[in-house]
N, C-alpha and C. Protein backbone atom coordinates (compact mmCIF):
# COMPACT_ATOMS: atom_id res chain seq x y z
N UNK A 1 134.89 126.37 257.67
CA UNK A 1 134.35 126.88 256.58
C UNK A 1 135.18 124.79 255.84
N UNK A 2 134.49 124.48 254.86
CA UNK A 2 135.17 123.31 254.12
C UNK A 2 134.63 122.47 254.62
N UNK A 3 134.06 122.17 255.99
CA UNK A 3 133.39 121.12 256.42
C UNK A 3 134.42 120.56 257.38
N UNK A 4 135.29 121.22 258.13
CA UNK A 4 136.37 120.81 259.19
C UNK A 4 136.46 121.51 260.26
N UNK A 5 136.60 121.07 261.07
CA UNK A 5 137.22 122.10 262.47
C UNK A 5 139.13 122.60 262.20
N UNK A 6 138.47 123.67 262.74
CA UNK A 6 139.67 124.35 262.75
C UNK A 6 140.19 124.79 264.02
N UNK A 7 141.49 124.92 264.60
CA UNK A 7 141.77 125.42 266.01
C UNK A 7 142.68 126.56 265.26
N UNK A 8 142.28 127.37 266.94
CA UNK A 8 143.16 128.14 266.40
C UNK A 8 145.07 127.55 267.66
N UNK A 9 144.40 127.15 268.35
CA UNK A 9 145.99 126.02 268.91
C UNK A 9 145.88 125.13 269.22
N UNK A 10 146.65 123.78 269.46
CA UNK A 10 146.19 122.69 270.52
C UNK A 10 145.81 122.54 271.84
N UNK A 11 145.00 122.15 272.08
CA UNK A 11 144.53 121.64 273.27
C UNK A 11 144.38 120.21 274.08
N UNK A 12 144.35 119.98 275.05
CA UNK A 12 144.16 118.19 275.49
C UNK A 12 142.38 118.38 275.43
N UNK A 13 141.64 119.40 275.16
CA UNK A 13 140.67 118.90 275.59
C UNK A 13 139.59 119.91 274.31
N UNK A 14 138.21 119.42 274.77
CA UNK A 14 137.47 120.37 273.68
C UNK A 14 136.75 121.01 274.49
N UNK A 15 136.84 122.09 273.92
CA UNK A 15 136.18 123.45 274.99
C UNK A 15 134.88 124.08 274.30
N UNK A 16 133.76 124.13 274.92
CA UNK A 16 132.66 124.95 274.23
C UNK A 16 132.20 125.56 274.89
N UNK A 17 131.59 126.72 274.55
CA UNK A 17 131.64 127.88 275.24
C UNK A 17 129.78 128.28 274.29
N UNK A 18 129.00 128.71 275.12
CA UNK A 18 127.49 129.43 274.78
C UNK A 18 127.20 130.61 275.29
N UNK A 19 127.02 131.76 275.14
CA UNK A 19 126.71 131.61 273.46
C UNK A 19 127.61 132.02 272.92
N UNK A 20 128.07 131.35 271.92
CA UNK A 20 128.80 131.29 270.22
C UNK A 20 129.34 133.12 270.43
N UNK A 21 130.66 133.62 270.20
CA UNK A 21 131.35 134.48 270.03
C UNK A 21 132.49 134.47 269.90
N UNK A 22 133.06 135.77 268.74
CA UNK A 22 134.70 135.58 268.35
C UNK A 22 135.28 135.99 268.88
N UNK A 23 134.82 136.78 270.30
CA UNK A 23 136.20 137.77 270.77
C UNK A 23 136.52 136.46 272.18
N UNK A 24 135.40 134.88 272.39
CA UNK A 24 136.22 134.58 273.48
C UNK A 24 137.47 133.75 273.18
N UNK A 25 138.34 133.80 274.36
CA UNK A 25 139.17 133.45 274.20
C UNK A 25 139.31 132.50 275.09
N UNK A 26 140.43 131.48 274.60
CA UNK A 26 140.49 130.01 276.14
C UNK A 26 141.83 129.89 276.31
N UNK A 27 142.36 129.57 277.77
CA UNK A 27 143.78 129.79 277.73
C UNK A 27 143.67 128.21 278.46
N UNK A 28 144.89 127.79 278.88
CA UNK A 28 145.49 125.85 279.35
C UNK A 28 145.60 126.72 280.76
N UNK A 29 144.99 126.71 282.02
CA UNK A 29 145.50 126.58 283.23
C UNK A 29 145.43 125.60 284.23
N UNK A 30 146.77 125.42 284.42
CA UNK A 30 147.27 124.21 284.92
C UNK A 30 146.22 122.59 284.08
N UNK A 31 145.55 122.34 284.94
CA UNK A 31 144.88 121.06 284.44
C UNK A 31 143.47 121.64 284.22
N UNK A 32 143.15 122.72 284.12
CA UNK A 32 142.02 123.46 283.89
C UNK A 32 141.99 124.38 282.37
N UNK A 33 140.99 124.96 282.54
CA UNK A 33 141.09 126.11 281.41
C UNK A 33 140.13 127.52 281.38
N UNK A 34 140.89 128.68 281.10
CA UNK A 34 140.26 130.15 281.84
C UNK A 34 139.32 130.59 280.07
N UNK A 35 138.75 130.96 280.12
CA UNK A 35 138.02 132.15 279.03
C UNK A 35 137.92 132.97 279.41
N UNK A 36 138.66 133.96 278.79
CA UNK A 36 137.82 135.44 278.71
C UNK A 36 136.73 135.81 278.16
N UNK A 37 135.24 136.08 278.82
CA UNK A 37 134.23 136.15 278.21
C UNK A 37 133.23 137.01 277.94
N UNK A 38 132.46 137.70 277.97
CA UNK A 38 131.50 139.02 278.07
C UNK A 38 130.43 139.00 278.47
N UNK A 39 129.81 138.56 279.01
CA UNK A 39 128.27 139.06 279.66
C UNK A 39 127.68 140.09 278.94
N UNK A 40 126.64 140.24 278.90
CA UNK A 40 125.90 141.04 277.79
C UNK A 40 124.98 141.70 279.24
N UNK A 41 125.03 143.28 278.48
CA UNK A 41 124.11 144.37 279.79
C UNK A 41 123.26 144.28 279.49
N UNK A 42 122.83 143.88 278.15
CA UNK A 42 121.51 143.74 277.80
C UNK A 42 121.22 142.60 277.79
N UNK A 43 119.80 142.06 278.34
CA UNK A 43 119.20 140.66 277.64
C UNK A 43 117.62 141.28 277.08
N UNK A 44 117.11 139.94 276.63
CA UNK A 44 116.24 139.98 275.59
C UNK A 44 115.37 138.94 276.37
N UNK A 45 114.28 139.71 276.94
CA UNK A 45 112.99 138.94 277.22
C UNK A 45 112.78 137.54 276.19
N UNK A 46 112.01 136.47 277.24
CA UNK A 46 111.60 135.66 276.82
C UNK A 46 110.62 135.35 278.20
N UNK A 47 109.68 134.38 277.47
CA UNK A 47 108.15 134.55 278.42
C UNK A 47 108.79 133.33 279.39
N UNK A 48 109.30 133.40 280.75
CA UNK A 48 108.93 132.35 281.87
C UNK A 48 110.41 131.65 281.49
N UNK A 49 111.53 132.62 281.11
CA UNK A 49 113.32 131.77 280.89
C UNK A 49 114.18 133.23 280.68
N UNK A 50 115.45 132.23 280.39
CA UNK A 50 116.26 133.62 280.08
C UNK A 50 116.22 133.65 279.10
N UNK A 51 116.37 134.94 278.44
CA UNK A 51 116.59 135.03 276.91
C UNK A 51 117.57 134.87 276.12
N UNK A 52 117.15 134.71 274.82
CA UNK A 52 117.73 133.93 274.17
C UNK A 52 119.94 134.26 274.31
N UNK A 53 120.75 133.42 274.73
CA UNK A 53 121.81 133.81 274.20
C UNK A 53 122.31 134.16 275.57
N UNK A 54 121.84 134.27 276.98
CA UNK A 54 121.63 135.36 278.26
C UNK A 54 122.57 134.77 279.42
N UNK A 55 121.91 133.27 279.09
CA UNK A 55 122.64 132.05 280.02
C UNK A 55 123.90 131.47 279.75
N UNK A 56 124.91 132.42 280.45
CA UNK A 56 126.11 131.28 279.60
C UNK A 56 126.56 130.00 280.00
N UNK A 57 126.91 129.14 279.34
CA UNK A 57 127.59 127.67 279.91
C UNK A 57 129.01 127.24 278.51
N UNK A 58 129.36 126.32 279.69
CA UNK A 58 130.29 126.00 278.98
C UNK A 58 130.87 124.24 279.39
N UNK A 59 131.40 123.87 278.23
CA UNK A 59 131.32 122.16 278.58
C UNK A 59 133.10 121.75 277.68
N UNK A 60 133.46 121.21 279.15
CA UNK A 60 134.99 120.58 278.64
C UNK A 60 134.62 118.84 278.36
N UNK A 61 135.55 118.27 277.31
CA UNK A 61 135.43 117.45 277.30
C UNK A 61 136.78 116.59 276.65
N UNK A 62 137.11 115.81 276.89
CA UNK A 62 138.29 114.44 275.98
C UNK A 62 137.61 113.59 274.62
N UNK A 63 136.27 113.72 274.56
CA UNK A 63 135.78 113.09 272.98
C UNK A 63 135.21 113.81 272.32
N UNK A 64 133.87 113.64 271.82
CA UNK A 64 132.99 114.95 270.95
C UNK A 64 132.01 114.66 271.84
N UNK A 65 131.48 113.86 272.74
CA UNK A 65 130.41 114.17 273.45
C UNK A 65 130.94 115.20 274.83
N UNK A 66 130.07 116.53 274.28
CA UNK A 66 130.21 117.35 275.79
C UNK A 66 128.48 117.75 276.59
N UNK A 67 129.23 118.33 277.52
CA UNK A 67 128.07 118.11 278.26
C UNK A 67 128.05 119.60 278.74
N UNK A 68 127.31 120.54 278.51
CA UNK A 68 127.16 122.02 279.03
C UNK A 68 126.87 122.20 280.40
N UNK A 69 127.81 123.25 281.23
CA UNK A 69 126.86 123.31 282.38
C UNK A 69 126.89 124.89 282.82
N UNK A 70 126.27 125.20 283.40
CA UNK A 70 125.83 126.42 283.89
C UNK A 70 126.89 127.30 284.40
N UNK A 71 127.24 128.23 283.86
CA UNK A 71 128.20 129.32 284.46
C UNK A 71 127.57 130.39 285.59
N UNK A 72 125.91 130.98 285.20
CA UNK A 72 125.50 131.65 286.12
C UNK A 72 123.82 131.47 286.73
N UNK A 73 123.63 132.23 287.23
CA UNK A 73 121.81 132.03 287.95
C UNK A 73 121.52 132.89 287.33
N UNK A 74 120.34 133.19 288.05
CA UNK A 74 119.33 134.03 287.95
C UNK A 74 118.31 134.75 288.93
N UNK A 75 117.67 135.58 288.56
CA UNK A 75 116.71 136.62 289.46
C UNK A 75 115.71 136.85 289.06
N UNK A 76 114.23 136.14 290.00
CA UNK A 76 113.40 135.98 288.88
C UNK A 76 112.69 137.14 289.15
N UNK A 77 112.00 138.08 288.41
CA UNK A 77 111.00 139.05 289.10
C UNK A 77 109.87 138.39 288.89
N UNK A 78 108.60 138.93 289.84
CA UNK A 78 107.21 138.40 289.32
C UNK A 78 106.49 139.38 289.58
N UNK A 79 105.84 140.18 288.65
CA UNK A 79 105.18 141.03 288.98
C UNK A 79 103.54 141.18 287.80
N UNK A 80 102.98 142.18 288.81
CA UNK A 80 101.55 142.90 288.16
C UNK A 80 101.25 143.45 288.15
N UNK A 81 100.18 144.34 287.85
CA UNK A 81 99.48 145.13 287.34
C UNK A 81 99.25 145.66 285.81
N UNK A 82 98.98 146.55 285.42
CA UNK A 82 97.88 146.98 283.80
C UNK A 82 99.07 147.68 283.18
N UNK A 83 100.13 147.78 283.41
CA UNK A 83 101.15 148.45 282.57
C UNK A 83 101.57 147.18 281.63
N UNK A 84 102.51 148.14 280.07
CA UNK A 84 103.30 147.02 279.44
C UNK A 84 104.70 147.38 279.91
N UNK A 85 105.54 146.72 280.57
CA UNK A 85 106.50 146.57 280.55
C UNK A 85 108.29 146.54 279.67
N UNK A 86 108.21 147.47 279.28
CA UNK A 86 109.64 147.42 277.98
C UNK A 86 110.78 147.35 278.79
N UNK A 87 111.45 147.68 280.23
CA UNK A 87 112.61 147.37 280.57
C UNK A 87 112.71 146.74 281.95
N UNK A 88 113.59 146.37 282.38
CA UNK A 88 113.96 145.90 283.94
C UNK A 88 115.37 146.06 284.17
N UNK A 89 115.71 146.96 285.14
CA UNK A 89 117.15 147.22 285.14
C UNK A 89 117.38 146.46 286.73
N UNK A 90 118.62 145.76 286.89
CA UNK A 90 118.77 145.87 288.20
C UNK A 90 120.18 146.29 287.93
N UNK A 91 120.62 146.89 289.67
CA UNK A 91 122.00 147.48 290.14
C UNK A 91 122.25 147.05 291.28
N UNK A 92 123.49 146.51 291.63
CA UNK A 92 123.23 146.57 293.56
C UNK A 92 124.07 147.38 293.89
N UNK A 93 123.93 147.61 295.37
CA UNK A 93 124.12 149.05 295.89
C UNK A 93 125.80 148.96 296.48
N UNK A 94 126.86 148.70 295.93
CA UNK A 94 127.78 147.77 296.58
C UNK A 94 128.51 147.93 294.97
N UNK A 95 128.12 148.14 294.56
CA UNK A 95 129.16 148.30 292.59
C UNK A 95 129.29 146.68 292.47
N UNK A 96 128.64 145.97 292.54
CA UNK A 96 128.31 144.32 292.49
C UNK A 96 128.30 144.70 290.77
N UNK A 97 129.09 143.42 290.67
CA UNK A 97 130.01 143.26 288.60
C UNK A 97 128.31 142.56 288.34
N UNK A 98 127.73 143.01 287.34
CA UNK A 98 126.90 142.08 286.92
C UNK A 98 126.84 141.76 285.43
N UNK A 99 128.15 142.52 284.57
CA UNK A 99 127.96 141.92 283.45
C UNK A 99 129.10 142.47 282.94
N UNK A 100 129.90 142.14 281.34
CA UNK A 100 130.65 142.48 281.07
C UNK A 100 132.03 141.49 281.25
N UNK A 101 133.02 142.22 281.37
CA UNK A 101 134.16 141.19 280.92
C UNK A 101 134.41 140.53 282.26
N UNK A 102 134.64 138.85 281.93
CA UNK A 102 134.66 137.98 283.11
C UNK A 102 135.25 136.93 283.10
N UNK A 103 135.92 136.37 283.36
CA UNK A 103 136.71 135.45 283.32
C UNK A 103 136.38 133.90 283.68
N UNK A 104 135.77 132.90 282.51
CA UNK A 104 135.14 131.64 283.28
C UNK A 104 136.68 130.49 283.26
N UNK A 105 136.08 129.60 284.50
CA UNK A 105 136.98 128.35 284.53
C UNK A 105 136.25 127.95 284.33
N UNK A 106 136.68 126.60 283.17
CA UNK A 106 135.87 124.74 283.22
C UNK A 106 137.17 124.19 283.76
N UNK A 107 136.31 123.42 284.85
CA UNK A 107 137.61 122.36 285.23
C UNK A 107 137.55 120.89 284.54
N UNK A 108 138.66 120.36 284.51
CA UNK A 108 138.18 119.24 283.20
C UNK A 108 138.39 117.71 284.27
N UNK A 109 138.22 117.67 285.80
CA UNK A 109 137.73 116.45 286.81
C UNK A 109 136.31 115.94 286.10
N UNK A 110 135.46 117.02 285.67
CA UNK A 110 133.72 115.85 285.55
C UNK A 110 133.02 116.66 286.50
N UNK A 111 133.83 117.22 287.79
CA UNK A 111 132.73 117.28 288.68
C UNK A 111 132.84 118.56 289.50
N UNK A 112 133.56 119.42 289.32
CA UNK A 112 133.54 120.67 289.84
C UNK A 112 133.02 121.51 288.93
N UNK A 113 131.70 122.21 289.61
CA UNK A 113 130.69 123.36 289.02
C UNK A 113 132.02 124.33 287.80
N UNK A 114 131.69 125.00 286.54
CA UNK A 114 132.56 125.97 286.29
C UNK A 114 132.21 127.15 287.45
N UNK A 115 133.47 128.07 287.22
CA UNK A 115 133.57 129.29 287.97
C UNK A 115 133.79 130.57 287.61
N UNK A 116 133.09 131.39 287.97
CA UNK A 116 132.65 133.03 287.28
C UNK A 116 133.62 134.32 287.77
N UNK A 117 134.73 134.83 287.29
CA UNK A 117 134.99 135.65 287.98
C UNK A 117 134.64 137.39 286.91
N UNK A 118 134.10 138.20 287.63
CA UNK A 118 134.18 139.56 286.68
C UNK A 118 135.06 140.01 286.65
N UNK A 119 135.71 141.19 285.86
CA UNK A 119 136.81 141.79 285.99
C UNK A 119 136.79 143.27 286.30
N UNK A 120 137.49 143.67 286.95
CA UNK A 120 137.62 145.08 287.26
C UNK A 120 136.74 145.91 285.91
N UNK A 121 137.03 145.60 284.67
CA UNK A 121 136.71 146.47 283.52
C UNK A 121 134.81 146.26 283.76
N UNK A 122 133.94 145.46 284.48
CA UNK A 122 133.06 144.88 284.15
C UNK A 122 131.83 146.13 284.71
N UNK A 123 130.54 145.96 284.59
CA UNK A 123 129.59 146.52 284.81
C UNK A 123 128.60 146.14 286.20
N UNK A 124 128.55 147.43 286.70
CA UNK A 124 127.41 146.81 288.22
C UNK A 124 126.19 147.60 287.83
N UNK A 125 125.23 146.86 286.36
CA UNK A 125 123.73 146.48 286.11
C UNK A 125 123.84 146.22 284.80
N UNK A 126 122.24 145.82 285.20
CA UNK A 126 122.07 144.82 283.48
C UNK A 126 120.40 144.73 283.35
N UNK A 127 120.61 145.16 282.64
CA UNK A 127 119.11 144.94 281.98
C UNK A 127 118.51 144.13 280.89
N UNK A 128 116.95 144.22 281.32
CA UNK A 128 116.27 142.78 280.75
C UNK A 128 115.22 144.00 278.94
N UNK A 129 115.64 143.73 278.65
CA UNK A 129 115.25 144.54 277.25
C UNK A 129 113.47 144.15 276.82
N UNK A 130 112.73 144.58 277.34
CA UNK A 130 110.87 143.55 277.07
C UNK A 130 110.17 144.46 275.36
N UNK A 131 111.35 144.53 274.68
CA UNK A 131 111.05 145.14 273.38
C UNK A 131 109.74 146.20 273.31
N UNK A 132 108.83 146.20 272.52
CA UNK A 132 107.36 147.21 272.59
C UNK A 132 106.30 147.00 273.89
N UNK A 133 107.31 145.86 274.96
CA UNK A 133 106.31 145.48 276.19
C UNK A 133 105.72 144.38 276.37
N UNK A 134 105.65 143.80 277.46
CA UNK A 134 104.89 142.83 278.19
C UNK A 134 103.92 143.17 278.96
N UNK A 135 102.57 143.10 278.44
CA UNK A 135 101.55 143.27 278.99
C UNK A 135 101.07 142.69 280.43
N UNK A 136 101.07 143.41 281.67
CA UNK A 136 101.23 142.23 282.97
C UNK A 136 99.15 142.48 283.09
N UNK A 137 99.44 141.71 284.37
CA UNK A 137 98.15 141.09 284.30
C UNK A 137 97.83 141.42 285.92
N UNK A 138 96.87 142.12 286.21
CA UNK A 138 95.68 142.87 287.51
C UNK A 138 96.33 141.57 288.47
N UNK A 139 95.86 140.36 288.31
CA UNK A 139 95.72 139.00 289.44
C UNK A 139 96.82 138.15 289.05
N UNK A 140 97.57 138.07 287.84
CA UNK A 140 98.12 137.10 288.01
C UNK A 140 99.75 137.59 287.50
N UNK A 141 101.08 137.30 288.17
CA UNK A 141 101.60 137.57 288.14
C UNK A 141 102.87 137.29 287.02
N UNK A 142 103.55 137.97 286.10
CA UNK A 142 104.22 137.87 284.61
C UNK A 142 105.39 137.57 284.94
N UNK A 143 106.28 136.60 284.75
CA UNK A 143 107.85 136.31 285.39
C UNK A 143 108.51 137.08 284.36
N UNK A 144 109.45 137.26 284.86
CA UNK A 144 110.67 137.88 284.42
C UNK A 144 111.83 137.88 285.19
N UNK A 145 112.77 137.17 283.81
CA UNK A 145 114.15 136.50 284.51
C UNK A 145 115.29 136.96 283.73
N UNK A 146 116.39 137.49 285.06
CA UNK A 146 117.15 137.73 284.05
C UNK A 146 119.07 137.08 284.45
N UNK A 147 119.89 136.14 283.93
CA UNK A 147 120.78 136.08 284.16
C UNK A 147 121.84 136.49 284.86
N UNK A 148 122.03 136.11 285.81
CA UNK A 148 123.27 136.47 286.51
C UNK A 148 124.00 135.99 286.79
N UNK A 149 125.56 136.14 286.95
CA UNK A 149 126.56 135.84 288.06
C UNK A 149 126.48 135.88 289.46
N UNK A 150 126.96 134.35 290.22
CA UNK A 150 126.58 134.33 291.66
C UNK A 150 127.33 135.58 292.42
N UNK A 151 126.26 136.48 293.15
CA UNK A 151 126.68 137.52 293.68
C UNK A 151 126.38 137.74 294.85
N UNK A 152 126.59 138.08 296.00
CA UNK A 152 126.08 138.40 296.92
C UNK A 152 125.96 140.17 297.27
N UNK A 153 124.60 140.38 297.29
CA UNK A 153 124.13 142.25 297.08
C UNK A 153 124.57 142.19 298.58
N UNK A 154 125.89 142.38 298.65
CA UNK A 154 125.94 143.27 300.36
C UNK A 154 125.58 144.72 301.41
N UNK A 155 125.05 145.24 300.10
CA UNK A 155 124.26 146.15 300.64
C UNK A 155 122.79 146.39 300.31
N UNK A 156 122.32 145.15 299.43
CA UNK A 156 120.89 145.21 298.89
C UNK A 156 121.04 146.02 297.39
N UNK A 157 120.46 145.90 297.00
CA UNK A 157 120.13 146.15 294.96
C UNK A 157 118.94 146.55 295.14
N UNK A 158 118.54 147.54 293.66
CA UNK A 158 117.90 148.43 293.26
C UNK A 158 116.94 148.01 291.86
N UNK A 159 115.93 147.85 291.88
CA UNK A 159 115.35 147.48 290.53
C UNK A 159 114.36 148.19 289.98
N UNK A 160 114.83 148.64 288.38
CA UNK A 160 113.84 149.80 287.65
C UNK A 160 113.38 149.19 286.87
N UNK A 161 111.86 149.52 286.75
CA UNK A 161 111.01 148.63 286.28
C UNK A 161 110.01 149.82 285.31
N UNK A 162 110.63 150.17 283.65
CA UNK A 162 110.17 150.79 283.24
C UNK A 162 108.84 150.49 281.89
N UNK A 163 107.69 151.35 281.75
CA UNK A 163 106.64 151.22 281.10
C UNK A 163 106.27 151.57 280.00
N UNK A 164 105.49 150.76 279.10
CA UNK A 164 105.37 151.90 277.36
C UNK A 164 105.55 153.21 277.80
N UNK A 165 104.63 154.00 278.43
CA UNK A 165 104.31 155.16 278.59
C UNK A 165 105.75 156.45 279.65
N UNK A 166 106.96 155.19 279.71
CA UNK A 166 108.04 155.77 280.28
C UNK A 166 107.85 156.47 281.64
N UNK A 167 107.39 155.26 282.30
CA UNK A 167 106.92 155.82 283.79
C UNK A 167 108.24 155.12 284.50
N UNK A 168 108.49 154.87 285.24
CA UNK A 168 109.53 154.22 285.98
C UNK A 168 108.97 153.83 287.38
N UNK A 169 109.47 152.72 288.01
CA UNK A 169 108.82 151.97 289.45
C UNK A 169 110.42 151.36 289.87
N UNK A 170 110.59 151.81 291.10
CA UNK A 170 111.73 151.18 291.83
C UNK A 170 111.40 150.26 292.74
N UNK A 171 112.27 149.92 293.18
CA UNK A 171 112.31 148.66 294.09
C UNK A 171 113.42 148.72 294.80
N UNK A 172 113.60 149.30 295.78
CA UNK A 172 114.73 149.06 296.18
C UNK A 172 115.06 148.20 298.00
N UNK A 173 116.17 147.20 297.54
CA UNK A 173 116.33 146.71 298.79
C UNK A 173 117.55 146.98 300.23
N UNK A 174 117.42 146.23 300.84
CA UNK A 174 118.52 146.27 301.70
C UNK A 174 118.21 145.72 302.78
N UNK A 175 119.25 145.73 303.86
CA UNK A 175 119.12 144.22 305.10
C UNK A 175 117.89 144.37 305.76
N UNK A 176 117.46 145.86 305.79
CA UNK A 176 115.88 146.01 306.69
C UNK A 176 115.24 145.98 305.72
N UNK A 177 114.81 145.37 304.68
CA UNK A 177 113.80 144.54 304.08
C UNK A 177 113.80 145.31 302.72
N UNK A 178 112.29 145.89 302.21
CA UNK A 178 112.44 146.71 300.97
C UNK A 178 111.10 147.56 301.25
N UNK A 179 111.63 148.44 300.24
CA UNK A 179 110.31 149.40 299.61
C UNK A 179 110.14 149.58 298.42
N UNK A 180 108.62 150.35 297.85
CA UNK A 180 108.75 150.38 296.28
C UNK A 180 108.29 151.89 296.04
N UNK A 181 108.78 152.59 295.57
CA UNK A 181 108.49 153.49 295.37
C UNK A 181 108.06 153.93 293.38
N UNK A 182 106.75 154.69 293.10
CA UNK A 182 107.03 155.32 291.70
C UNK A 182 107.40 156.06 291.83
N UNK A 183 108.39 156.45 290.15
CA UNK A 183 109.27 158.15 290.67
C UNK A 183 108.50 158.67 289.32
């Protein structure tokens, strides 16, 4: 307020995190910084992209010129059909943490990519909310992208697609391939 910047404590660098949240806390950790953040368990669909606020980014600078670096990656699903998709949920088969409480490390050297570590309190699932539905096409795949922390699905993962009629379609993967089943 008042047109000026206010800081909770003095830091040697400017640290910025996207998406903005009043609950993000930043701490000095040696030469670097750690941020306590929360990745949303529900993301909002955006055509051919990540939903608004889904792709976490962090910046560290010694001056007012900041360059954001992605903290997350993503998984893209390409789906064909005649239905309207209302949601897509993803869950690892070995309790991999995909949303919720996390710690981001922002490095001051200008070279090292940000790191993220999910906490024990994090959730093992994430959902892409497609609102009233995204109409699929029988001949051309529609892209759906979910932002995710870097994760190795050691035992595969399960994707649940829900349409506007309440039907669910499950894609289940593992080391030996995948299979598709309608429930």
